[in-house]
Amino acid sequence: MPADAAAPLTRTSLAEQVRERLREAIVCGELPQGGLITEPVVAARYAVSRAPVREALLALERDGLVTFDARGRARVLELTPRVFEELVAVRVSLEGLAARLAAAGDTADLAAALEENIRRQGDAGTYRDLTRLDVAFHELVVRAARNDRLLAAWLTVRCVLDFWLTAAFRDAEMSVAPRTLAVDSHRRLLRAVASGDPDRAERAAVAHITRWRSYLPAARPAPAAHEAAR
């Protein structure tokens, strides 16, 4: 392969690395909600040019974690009650259907994978570990539906789900209540899907998703520009 044909891959790789680092900084709260993300500061921080930073920010916009204001400035998504309700509405539709479809198929392997995931949730040492396992649990169910279009639609909200759950667990400071809620509710969903009853599985998925309203993270004031650019 000619050397110039491989050159763009290097920049794409850099952009993906910056994207992943920024995504984790956003999800973990290192970059405050509503705060500005300035390209020069990010470029200096990660020792890259501004081009991959711009690509990373555009990718994060597609992930739903970054918005651009009227002046073209990137800001971290604010987890407002409206964002939460929109997320719930989409998840109820997609994950309710996914649970229904998964329950209609062969659930033995899925049940074993979900059981192992739940076991690991109980052992999770940090809120970030718990969040990753929580999101992975739901992805297992969605993939078990064996519907590519459904999976593609769900993946568009995966990052925002990760962001919201991380904020919820962090705000609760890993107290017993949300951890117990997650483990117990996931176990009920597991039993419903494994039962092979599509109606029961769908009801359990919807109940699990809507039960999180009691842990809605409070909306936060937008920080000054320099706070998000540190």
Protein backbone atom coordinates (compact mmCIF):
# COMPACT_ATOMS: atom_id res chain seq x y z
CA MET A 1 0.00 0.00 0.00
CA PRO A 2 1.37 3.47 -0.86
CA ALA A 3 2.46 5.47 2.18
CA ASP A 4 0.08 8.33 1.38
CA ALA A 5 -2.90 5.93 1.38
CA ALA A 6 -2.24 5.07 5.01
CA ALA A 7 -1.63 8.65 6.16
CA PRO A 8 -5.30 9.58 6.86
CA LEU A 9 -5.60 6.60 9.19
CA THR A 10 -3.10 8.21 11.53
CA ARG A 11 -5.22 11.32 11.91
CA THR A 12 -8.38 9.26 12.27
CA SER A 13 -6.67 7.23 14.97
CA LEU A 14 -5.66 10.39 16.80
CA ALA A 15 -9.19 11.74 16.54
CA GLU A 16 -10.56 8.51 17.98
CA GLN A 17 -8.09 8.61 20.86
CA VAL A 18 -9.01 12.22 21.65
CA ARG A 19 -12.67 11.32 21.39
CA GLU A 20 -12.32 8.49 23.90
CA ARG A 21 -10.37 10.62 26.37
CA LEU A 22 -12.85 13.48 26.12
CA ARG A 23 -15.78 11.10 26.35
CA GLU A 24 -14.44 9.65 29.59
CA ALA A 25 -13.68 13.15 30.95
CA ILE A 26 -17.26 14.18 30.18
CA VAL A 27 -18.91 11.06 31.56
CA CYS A 28 -16.83 11.12 34.76
CA GLY A 29 -17.58 14.81 35.38
CA GLU A 30 -14.04 16.07 34.86
CA LEU A 31 -15.47 18.40 32.21
CA PRO A 32 -18.52 20.07 33.80
CA GLN A 33 -21.96 19.92 32.25
CA GLY A 34 -22.67 22.94 30.06
CA GLY A 35 -19.03 23.97 30.04
CA LEU A 36 -17.11 25.06 26.96
CA ILE A 37 -14.57 22.72 25.40
CA THR A 38 -12.00 24.82 23.57
CA GLU A 39 -10.01 23.25 20.75
CA PRO A 40 -6.65 24.92 21.52
CA VAL A 41 -6.73 23.83 25.16
CA VAL A 42 -7.64 20.25 24.28
CA ALA A 43 -5.01 20.14 21.54
CA ALA A 44 -2.33 21.32 23.97
CA ARG A 45 -3.47 18.91 26.66
CA TYR A 46 -3.18 15.88 24.41
CA ALA A 47 -0.26 17.16 22.33
CA VAL A 48 -2.11 16.98 19.02
CA SER A 49 -3.10 19.48 16.35
CA ARG A 50 -6.55 21.06 16.32
CA ALA A 51 -7.73 18.92 13.37
CA PRO A 52 -8.20 15.65 15.31
CA VAL A 53 -9.72 17.63 18.19
CA ARG A 54 -12.33 19.05 15.84
CA GLU A 55 -13.06 15.59 14.47
CA ALA A 56 -13.36 14.24 18.00
CA LEU A 57 -15.82 16.97 18.99
CA LEU A 58 -17.97 16.30 15.94
CA ALA A 59 -18.00 12.61 16.82
CA LEU A 60 -18.99 13.46 20.39
CA GLU A 61 -21.82 15.57 19.00
CA ARG A 62 -23.07 12.49 17.16
CA ASP A 63 -22.75 10.56 20.43
CA GLY A 64 -25.00 13.15 22.06
CA LEU A 65 -22.41 14.27 24.62
CA VAL A 66 -21.47 17.59 23.00
CA THR A 67 -23.56 20.39 21.53
CA PHE A 68 -22.47 23.36 19.45
CA ASP A 69 -23.91 26.79 20.19
CA ALA A 70 -24.79 29.47 17.66
CA ARG A 71 -21.17 30.64 17.61
CA GLY A 72 -19.89 27.15 16.83
CA ARG A 73 -18.46 26.59 20.30
CA ALA A 74 -18.55 23.07 21.74
CA ARG A 75 -20.26 22.57 25.08
CA VAL A 76 -20.72 19.54 27.29
CA LEU A 77 -24.28 18.25 27.33
CA GLU A 78 -26.31 19.33 30.37
CA LEU A 79 -28.28 16.50 31.96
CA THR A 80 -31.51 18.43 32.38
CA PRO A 81 -34.84 16.81 33.30
CA ARG A 82 -35.85 17.18 29.66
CA VAL A 83 -32.80 15.21 28.50
CA PHE A 84 -33.66 12.52 31.04
CA GLU A 85 -37.29 12.29 29.93
CA GLU A 86 -36.26 12.09 26.29
CA LEU A 87 -33.81 9.33 27.15
CA VAL A 88 -36.48 7.44 29.08
CA ALA A 89 -38.96 7.70 26.19
CA VAL A 90 -36.45 6.33 23.70
CA ARG A 91 -35.26 3.57 26.01
CA VAL A 92 -38.80 2.47 26.85
CA SER A 93 -39.57 2.09 23.16
CA LEU A 94 -36.32 0.42 22.15
CA GLU A 95 -35.51 -1.69 25.19
CA GLY A 96 -39.10 -2.73 25.73
CA LEU A 97 -39.13 -4.13 22.21
CA ALA A 98 -35.67 -5.63 22.66
CA ALA A 99 -36.74 -7.49 25.80
CA ARG A 100 -39.84 -8.77 24.01
CA LEU A 101 -37.83 -10.05 21.05
CA ALA A 102 -35.11 -11.53 23.26
CA ALA A 103 -37.66 -13.41 25.36
CA ALA A 104 -39.17 -14.92 22.22
CA GLY A 105 -35.86 -16.55 21.28
CA ASP A 106 -33.45 -18.98 22.90
CA THR A 107 -32.61 -17.33 26.23
CA ALA A 108 -30.22 -19.85 27.80
CA ASP A 109 -26.96 -18.19 26.76
CA LEU A 110 -28.38 -14.71 27.38
CA ALA A 111 -29.54 -15.65 30.88
CA ALA A 112 -26.08 -16.97 31.75
CA ALA A 113 -24.40 -13.80 30.47
CA LEU A 114 -26.84 -11.56 32.34
CA GLU A 115 -26.38 -13.56 35.55
CA GLU A 116 -22.61 -13.12 35.33
CA ASN A 117 -23.05 -9.40 34.69
CA ILE A 118 -25.27 -9.06 37.77
CA ARG A 119 -22.75 -10.93 39.90
CA ARG A 120 -20.06 -8.48 38.81
CA GLN A 121 -22.36 -5.53 39.57
CA GLY A 122 -22.56 -6.69 43.16
CA ASP A 123 -18.76 -6.72 43.35
CA ALA A 124 -18.19 -3.40 41.56
CA GLY A 125 -15.75 -1.25 43.52
CA THR A 126 -16.42 2.12 41.89
CA TYR A 127 -19.43 3.91 40.46
CA ARG A 128 -17.72 3.88 37.06
CA ASP A 129 -17.34 0.09 37.18
CA LEU A 130 -21.00 -0.23 38.15
CA THR A 131 -22.08 2.07 35.33
CA ARG A 132 -20.13 0.16 32.71
CA LEU A 133 -21.70 -3.10 33.86
CA ASP A 134 -25.16 -1.53 33.92
CA VAL A 135 -24.87 -0.32 30.34
CA ALA A 136 -23.36 -3.64 29.27
CA PHE A 137 -26.33 -5.49 30.79
CA HIS A 138 -28.76 -3.58 28.62
CA GLU A 139 -26.60 -3.98 25.55
CA LEU A 140 -26.68 -7.75 26.05
CA VAL A 141 -30.48 -7.68 25.99
CA VAL A 142 -30.62 -5.41 22.95
CA ARG A 143 -28.16 -7.57 21.01
CA ALA A 144 -30.13 -10.68 21.95
CA ALA A 145 -33.11 -9.24 20.08
CA ARG A 146 -31.17 -9.95 16.87
CA ASN A 147 -32.51 -6.87 15.12
CA ASP A 148 -29.80 -4.79 13.49
CA ARG A 149 -31.92 -1.66 13.08
CA LEU A 150 -33.00 -1.81 16.71
CA LEU A 151 -29.39 -2.18 17.83
CA ALA A 152 -28.29 0.73 15.63
CA ALA A 153 -31.00 2.96 17.10
CA TRP A 154 -30.08 1.98 20.67
CA LEU A 155 -26.39 2.64 20.10
CA THR A 156 -27.23 6.28 19.30
CA VAL A 157 -28.26 6.83 22.94
CA ARG A 158 -25.71 4.53 24.56
CA CYS A 159 -23.23 7.31 25.42
CA VAL A 160 -25.91 9.54 26.95
CA LEU A 161 -27.18 6.57 28.98
CA ASP A 162 -23.62 5.99 30.21
CA PHE A 163 -23.32 9.70 31.07
CA TRP A 164 -26.59 9.81 32.97
CA LEU A 165 -26.06 6.59 34.92
CA THR A 166 -22.55 7.65 35.91
CA ALA A 167 -23.90 10.97 37.19
CA ALA A 168 -26.69 9.19 39.09
CA PHE A 169 -24.33 6.74 40.79
CA ARG A 170 -21.78 9.47 41.49
CA ASP A 171 -24.39 11.78 43.02
CA ALA A 172 -25.59 8.90 45.21
CA GLU A 173 -21.96 8.32 46.26
CA MET A 174 -22.31 4.57 45.69
CA SER A 175 -24.83 4.28 48.52
CA VAL A 176 -26.66 1.00 49.04
CA ALA A 177 -29.96 2.23 47.59
CA PRO A 178 -29.03 2.77 43.92
CA ARG A 179 -26.70 -0.24 43.84
CA THR A 180 -29.43 -2.43 45.30
CA LEU A 181 -31.95 -0.93 42.91
CA ALA A 182 -29.71 -1.73 39.96
CA VAL A 183 -28.94 -5.30 41.01
CA ASP A 184 -32.47 -6.22 42.11
CA SER A 185 -34.14 -4.59 39.13
CA HIS A 186 -31.73 -6.23 36.71
CA ARG A 187 -32.41 -9.59 38.31
CA ARG A 188 -36.16 -9.11 37.84
CA LEU A 189 -35.56 -8.22 34.21
CA LEU A 190 -33.35 -11.29 33.80
CA ARG A 191 -36.08 -13.56 35.18
CA ALA A 192 -38.68 -11.96 32.94
CA VAL A 193 -36.61 -12.38 29.78
CA ALA A 194 -35.56 -15.93 30.71
CA SER A 195 -39.22 -16.87 31.28
CA GLY A 196 -39.81 -16.80 27.54
CA ASP A 197 -42.88 -14.60 28.02
CA PRO A 198 -42.52 -11.56 25.69
CA ASP A 199 -45.23 -9.54 27.45
CA ARG A 200 -43.68 -10.08 30.87
CA ALA A 201 -40.22 -9.22 29.54
CA GLU A 202 -41.42 -5.98 27.99
CA ARG A 203 -43.23 -4.93 31.18
CA ALA A 204 -40.13 -5.66 33.25
CA ALA A 205 -37.91 -3.61 30.93
CA VAL A 206 -40.25 -0.62 31.04
CA ALA A 207 -40.59 -0.82 34.83
CA HIS A 208 -36.82 -1.02 35.23
CA ILE A 209 -36.21 2.06 33.10
CA THR A 210 -38.93 4.27 34.60
CA ARG A 211 -37.99 3.35 38.19
CA TRP A 212 -34.83 5.46 37.84
CA ARG A 213 -36.83 8.71 37.97
CA SER A 214 -36.27 8.85 41.72
CA TYR A 215 -32.52 9.16 41.07
CA LEU A 216 -32.70 11.94 38.49
CA PRO A 217 -29.50 14.02 38.92
CA ALA A 218 -30.26 17.63 39.74
CA ALA A 219 -29.68 20.11 36.95
CA ARG A 220 -26.46 22.03 37.44
CA PRO A 221 -25.68 25.65 36.53
CA ALA A 222 -23.46 26.08 33.49
CA PRO A 223 -19.85 26.72 34.55
CA ALA A 224 -17.61 29.46 33.24
CA ALA A 225 -15.71 28.74 30.04
CA HIS A 226 -12.34 28.32 31.73
CA GLU A 227 -13.69 25.65 34.07
CA ALA A 228 -14.45 23.26 31.23
CA ALA A 229 -11.22 23.96 29.40
CA ARG A 230 -8.84 23.09 32.22
